[in-house]
């Protein structure tokens, strides 16, 4: 019975850890996507300005 309880606890800890990692990963992905969007819009703006000027 004690062994089973220990196993359950380890599983719970593992699940909690993986949940935290998932949250952190999604934050990183969100930041990355935000940066990509900014870069793309800057590039588009630059290209459009370039074509209008020349």
PDB file of N, CA and C in Angstrom:
ATOM      1  N   UNK A   1       0.836  -1.202   0.000  1.00  0.00           N
ATOM      2  CA  UNK A   1       0.000   0.000   0.000  1.00  0.00           C
ATOM      3  C   UNK A   1       0.873   1.254   0.000  1.00  0.00           C
ATOM      4  N   UNK A   2       1.936   1.226   0.826  1.00  0.00           N
ATOM      5  CA  UNK A   2       2.845   2.376   0.904  1.00  0.00           C
ATOM      6  C   UNK A   2       3.512   2.600  -0.453  1.00  0.00           C
ATOM      7  N   UNK A   3       3.927   1.488  -1.079  1.00  0.00           N
ATOM      8  CA  UNK A   3       4.599   1.565  -2.388  1.00  0.00           C
ATOM      9  C   UNK A   3       3.681   2.219  -3.418  1.00  0.00           C
ATOM     10  N   UNK A   4       2.411   1.807  -3.406  1.00  0.00           N
ATOM     11  CA  UNK A   4       1.429   2.345  -4.351  1.00  0.00           C
ATOM     12  C   UNK A   4       1.256   3.849  -4.135  1.00  0.00           C
ATOM     13  N   UNK A   5       1.170   4.263  -2.875  1.00  0.00           N
ATOM     14  CA  UNK A   5       1.021   5.683  -2.544  1.00  0.00           C
ATOM     15  C   UNK A   5       2.206   6.488  -3.046  1.00  0.00           C
ATOM     16  N   UNK A   6       3.408   5.935  -2.888  1.00  0.00           N
ATOM     17  CA  UNK A   6       4.626   6.610  -3.335  1.00  0.00           C
ATOM     18  C   UNK A   6       4.599   6.790  -4.849  1.00  0.00           C
ATOM     19  N   UNK A   7       4.178   5.721  -5.542  1.00  0.00           N
ATOM     20  CA  UNK A   7       4.092   5.776  -7.003  1.00  0.00           C
ATOM     21  C   UNK A   7       3.116   6.867  -7.447  1.00  0.00           C
ATOM     22  N   UNK A   8       1.970   6.929  -6.778  1.00  0.00           N
ATOM     23  CA  UNK A   8       0.957   7.940  -7.099  1.00  0.00           C
ATOM     24  C   UNK A   8       1.531   9.339  -6.910  1.00  0.00           C
ATOM     25  N   UNK A   9       2.261   9.529  -5.803  1.00  0.00           N
ATOM     26  CA  UNK A   9       2.848  10.839  -5.504  1.00  0.00           C
ATOM     27  C   UNK A   9       3.828  11.226  -6.600  1.00  0.00           C
ATOM     28  N   UNK A  10       4.681  10.277  -7.001  1.00  0.00           N
ATOM     29  CA  UNK A  10       5.662  10.555  -8.056  1.00  0.00           C
ATOM     30  C   UNK A  10       4.963  10.940  -9.353  1.00  0.00           C
ATOM     31  N   UNK A  11       3.891  10.222  -9.680  1.00  0.00           N
ATOM     32  CA  UNK A  11       3.137  10.519 -10.900  1.00  0.00           C
ATOM     33  C   UNK A  11       2.560  11.923 -10.831  1.00  0.00           C
ATOM     34  N   UNK A  12       1.999  12.276  -9.648  1.00  0.00           N
ATOM     35  CA  UNK A  12       1.419  13.610  -9.472  1.00  0.00           C
ATOM     36  C   UNK A  12       2.485  14.679  -9.665  1.00  0.00           C
ATOM     37  N   UNK A  13       3.655  14.485  -9.046  1.00  0.00           N
ATOM     38  CA  UNK A  13       4.758  15.447  -9.161  1.00  0.00           C
ATOM     39  C   UNK A  13       5.171  15.575 -10.618  1.00  0.00           C
ATOM     40  N   UNK A  14       5.280  14.431 -11.303  1.00  0.00           N
ATOM     41  CA  UNK A  14       5.676  14.430 -12.717  1.00  0.00           C
ATOM     42  C   UNK A  14       4.667  15.208 -13.554  1.00  0.00           C
ATOM     43  N   UNK A  15       3.378  14.953 -13.328  1.00  0.00           N
ATOM     44  CA  UNK A  15       2.327  15.649 -14.074  1.00  0.00           C
ATOM     45  C   UNK A  15       2.386  17.144 -13.812  1.00  0.00           C
ATOM     46  N   UNK A  16       2.597  17.513 -12.547  1.00  0.00           N
ATOM     47  CA  UNK A  16       2.672  18.930 -12.179  1.00  0.00           C
ATOM     48  C   UNK A  16       3.848  19.588 -12.891  1.00  0.00           C
ATOM     49  N   UNK A  17       4.994  18.898 -12.905  1.00  0.00           N
ATOM     50  CA  UNK A  17       6.191  19.438 -13.565  1.00  0.00           C
ATOM     51  C   UNK A  17       5.946  19.623 -15.055  1.00  0.00           C
ATOM     52  N   UNK A  18       5.360  18.614 -15.694  1.00  0.00           N
ATOM     53  CA  UNK A  18       5.136  18.704 -17.142  1.00  0.00           C
ATOM     54  C   UNK A  18       4.132  19.814 -17.457  1.00  0.00           C
ATOM     55  N   UNK A  19       3.145  20.024 -16.574  1.00  0.00           N
ATOM     56  CA  UNK A  19       2.189  21.117 -16.773  1.00  0.00           C
ATOM     57  C   UNK A  19       2.914  22.453 -16.751  1.00  0.00           C
ATOM     58  N   UNK A  20       3.822  22.616 -15.771  1.00  0.00           N
ATOM     59  CA  UNK A  20       4.598  23.854 -15.664  1.00  0.00           C
ATOM     60  C   UNK A  20       5.438  24.076 -16.911  1.00  0.00           C
ATOM     61  N   UNK A  21       6.078  23.003 -17.401  1.00  0.00           N
ATOM     62  CA  UNK A  21       6.914  23.127 -18.593  1.00  0.00           C
ATOM     63  C   UNK A  21       6.064  23.522 -19.787  1.00  0.00           C
ATOM     64  N   UNK A  22       4.879  22.932 -19.892  1.00  0.00           N
ATOM     65  CA  UNK A  22       3.975  23.270 -20.995  1.00  0.00           C
ATOM     66  C   UNK A  22       3.606  24.739 -20.947  1.00  0.00           C
ATOM     67  N   UNK A  23       3.298  25.228 -19.738  1.00  0.00           N
ATOM     68  CA  UNK A  23       2.947  26.642 -19.588  1.00  0.00           C
ATOM     69  C   UNK A  23       4.110  27.516 -20.019  1.00  0.00           C
ATOM     70  N   UNK A  24       5.320  27.171 -19.569  1.00  0.00           N
ATOM     71  CA  UNK A  24       6.501  27.959 -19.902  1.00  0.00           C
ATOM     72  C   UNK A  24       6.729  27.927 -21.415  1.00  0.00           C
ATOM     73  N   UNK A  25       6.584  26.752 -22.019  1.00  0.00           N
ATOM     74  CA  UNK A  25       6.769  26.610 -23.468  1.00  0.00           C
ATOM     75  C   UNK A  25       5.780  27.478 -24.232  1.00  0.00           C
ATOM     76  N   UNK A  26       4.521  27.482 -23.798  1.00  0.00           N
ATOM     77  CA  UNK A  26       3.509  28.271 -24.512  1.00  0.00           C
ATOM     78  C   UNK A  26       3.812  29.760 -24.389  1.00  0.00           C
ATOM     79  N   UNK A  27       4.356  30.170 -23.218  1.00  0.00           N
ATOM     80  CA  UNK A  27       4.764  31.572 -23.054  1.00  0.00           C
ATOM     81  C   UNK A  27       5.861  31.913 -24.043  1.00  0.00           C
ATOM     82  N   UNK A  28       6.868  31.035 -24.148  1.00  0.00           N
ATOM     83  CA  UNK A  28       7.987  31.257 -25.069  1.00  0.00           C
ATOM     84  C   UNK A  28       7.467  31.336 -26.498  1.00  0.00           C
ATOM     85  N   UNK A  29       6.561  30.418 -26.854  1.00  0.00           N
ATOM     86  CA  UNK A  29       5.992  30.400 -28.208  1.00  0.00           C
ATOM     87  C   UNK A  29       5.236  31.695 -28.481  1.00  0.00           C
ATOM     88  N   UNK A  30       4.475  32.167 -27.463  1.00  0.00           N
ATOM     89  CA  UNK A  30       3.707  33.404 -27.623  1.00  0.00           C
ATOM     90  C   UNK A  30       4.644  34.580 -27.871  1.00  0.00           C
ATOM     91  N   UNK A  31       5.737  34.656 -27.092  1.00  0.00           N
ATOM     92  CA  UNK A  31       6.722  35.737 -27.255  1.00  0.00           C
ATOM     93  C   UNK A  31       7.349  35.646 -28.646  1.00  0.00           C
ATOM     94  N   UNK A  32       7.725  34.414 -29.044  1.00  0.00           N
ATOM     95  CA  UNK A  32       8.364  34.183 -30.339  1.00  0.00           C
ATOM     96  C   UNK A  32       7.451  34.622 -31.480  1.00  0.00           C
ATOM     97  N   UNK A  33       6.171  34.250 -31.383  1.00  0.00           N
ATOM     98  CA  UNK A  33       5.196  34.622 -32.416  1.00  0.00           C
ATOM     99  C   UNK A  33       5.044  36.136 -32.477  1.00  0.00           C
ATOM    100  N   UNK A  34       5.019  36.779 -31.306  1.00  0.00           N
ATOM    101  CA  UNK A  34       4.915  38.236 -31.251  1.00  0.00           C
ATOM    102  C   UNK A  34       6.079  38.907 -31.949  1.00  0.00           C
ATOM    103  N   UNK A  35       7.300  38.414 -31.675  1.00  0.00           N
ATOM    104  CA  UNK A  35       8.504  38.968 -32.306  1.00  0.00           C
ATOM    105  C   UNK A  35       8.436  38.763 -33.816  1.00  0.00           C
ATOM    106  N   UNK A  36       8.048  37.555 -34.240  1.00  0.00           N
ATOM    107  CA  UNK A  36       7.937  37.250 -35.675  1.00  0.00           C
ATOM    108  C   UNK A  36       6.955  38.202 -36.347  1.00  0.00           C
ATOM    109  N   UNK A  37       5.811  38.431 -35.720  1.00  0.00           N
ATOM    110  CA  UNK A  37       4.807  39.339 -36.284  1.00  0.00           C
ATOM    111  C   UNK A  37       5.369  40.742 -36.439  1.00  0.00           C
ATOM    112  N   UNK A  38       6.098  41.212 -35.413  1.00  0.00           N
ATOM    113  CA  UNK A  38       6.690  42.554 -35.474  1.00  0.00           C
ATOM    114  C   UNK A  38       7.688  42.642 -36.615  1.00  0.00           C
ATOM    115  N   UNK A  39       8.560  41.636 -36.725  1.00  0.00           N
ATOM    116  CA  UNK A  39       9.585  41.621 -37.772  1.00  0.00           C
ATOM    117  C   UNK A  39       8.934  41.628 -39.149  1.00  0.00           C
ATOM    118  N   UNK A  40       7.916  40.781 -39.325  1.00  0.00           N
ATOM    119  CA  UNK A  40       7.231  40.688 -40.619  1.00  0.00           C
ATOM    120  C   UNK A  40       6.574  42.014 -40.981  1.00  0.00           C
ATOM    121  N   UNK A  41       5.901  42.644 -40.008  1.00  0.00           N
ATOM    122  CA  UNK A  41       5.232  43.918 -40.303  1.00  0.00           C
ATOM    123  C   UNK A  41       6.259  45.003 -40.617  1.00  0.00           C
ATOM    124  N   UNK A  42       7.399  44.990 -39.911  1.00  0.00           N
ATOM    125  CA  UNK A  42       8.472  45.952 -40.193  1.00  0.00           C
ATOM    126  C   UNK A  42       9.005  45.750 -41.608  1.00  0.00           C
ATOM    127  N   UNK A  43       9.241  44.485 -41.971  1.00  0.00           N
ATOM    128  CA  UNK A  43       9.753  44.176 -43.311  1.00  0.00           C
ATOM    129  C   UNK A  43       8.763  44.632 -44.379  1.00  0.00           C
ATOM    130  N   UNK A  44       7.489  44.334 -44.175  1.00  0.00           N
ATOM    131  CA  UNK A  44       6.458  44.745 -45.131  1.00  0.00           C
ATOM    132  C   UNK A  44       6.436  46.262 -45.269  1.00  0.00           C
ATOM    133  N   UNK A  45       6.483  46.958 -44.140  1.00  0.00           N
ATOM    134  CA  UNK A  45       6.483  48.421 -44.126  1.00  0.00           C
ATOM    135  C   UNK A  45       7.685  48.948 -44.917  1.00  0.00           C
ATOM    136  N   UNK A  46       8.862  48.363 -44.644  1.00  0.00           N
ATOM    137  CA  UNK A  46      10.097  48.778 -45.312  1.00  0.00           C
ATOM    138  C   UNK A  46      10.003  48.567 -46.821  1.00  0.00           C
ATOM    139  N   UNK A  47       9.542  47.379 -47.213  1.00  0.00           N
ATOM    140  CA  UNK A  47       9.435  47.037 -48.637  1.00  0.00           C
ATOM    141  C   UNK A  47       8.451  47.969 -49.341  1.00  0.00           C
ATOM    142  N   UNK A  48       7.298  48.213 -48.723  1.00  0.00           N
ATOM    143  CA  UNK A  48       6.290  49.099 -49.315  1.00  0.00           C
ATOM    144  C   UNK A  48       6.840  50.511 -49.470  1.00  0.00           C
ATOM    145  N   UNK A  49       7.506  51.007 -48.425  1.00  0.00           N
ATOM    146  CA  UNK A  49       8.097  52.351 -48.479  1.00  0.00           C
ATOM    147  C   UNK A  49       9.141  52.403 -49.581  1.00  0.00           C
ATOM    148  N   UNK A  50       9.957  51.352 -49.664  1.00  0.00           N
ATOM    149  CA  UNK A  50      11.018  51.266 -50.668  1.00  0.00           C
ATOM    150  C   UNK A  50      10.423  51.358 -52.075  1.00  0.00           C
ATOM    151  N   UNK A  51       9.338  50.601 -52.310  1.00  0.00           N
ATOM    152  CA  UNK A  51       8.717  50.597 -53.641  1.00  0.00           C
ATOM    153  C   UNK A  51       8.058  51.933 -53.959  1.00  0.00           C
ATOM    154  N   UNK A  52       7.459  52.562 -52.945  1.00  0.00           N
ATOM    155  CA  UNK A  52       6.794  53.849 -53.169  1.00  0.00           C
ATOM    156  C   UNK A  52       7.830  54.923 -53.493  1.00  0.00           C
ATOM    157  N   UNK A  53       8.967  54.895 -52.771  1.00  0.00           N
ATOM    158  CA  UNK A  53      10.011  55.912 -52.961  1.00  0.00           C
ATOM    159  C   UNK A  53      10.671  55.763 -54.333  1.00  0.00           C
ATOM    160  N   UNK A  54      10.918  54.488 -54.759  1.00  0.00           N
ATOM    161  CA  UNK A  54      11.669  54.307 -56.019  1.00  0.00           C
ATOM    162  C   UNK A  54      10.819  54.014 -57.228  1.00  0.00           C
TER     163      UNK A  54
END
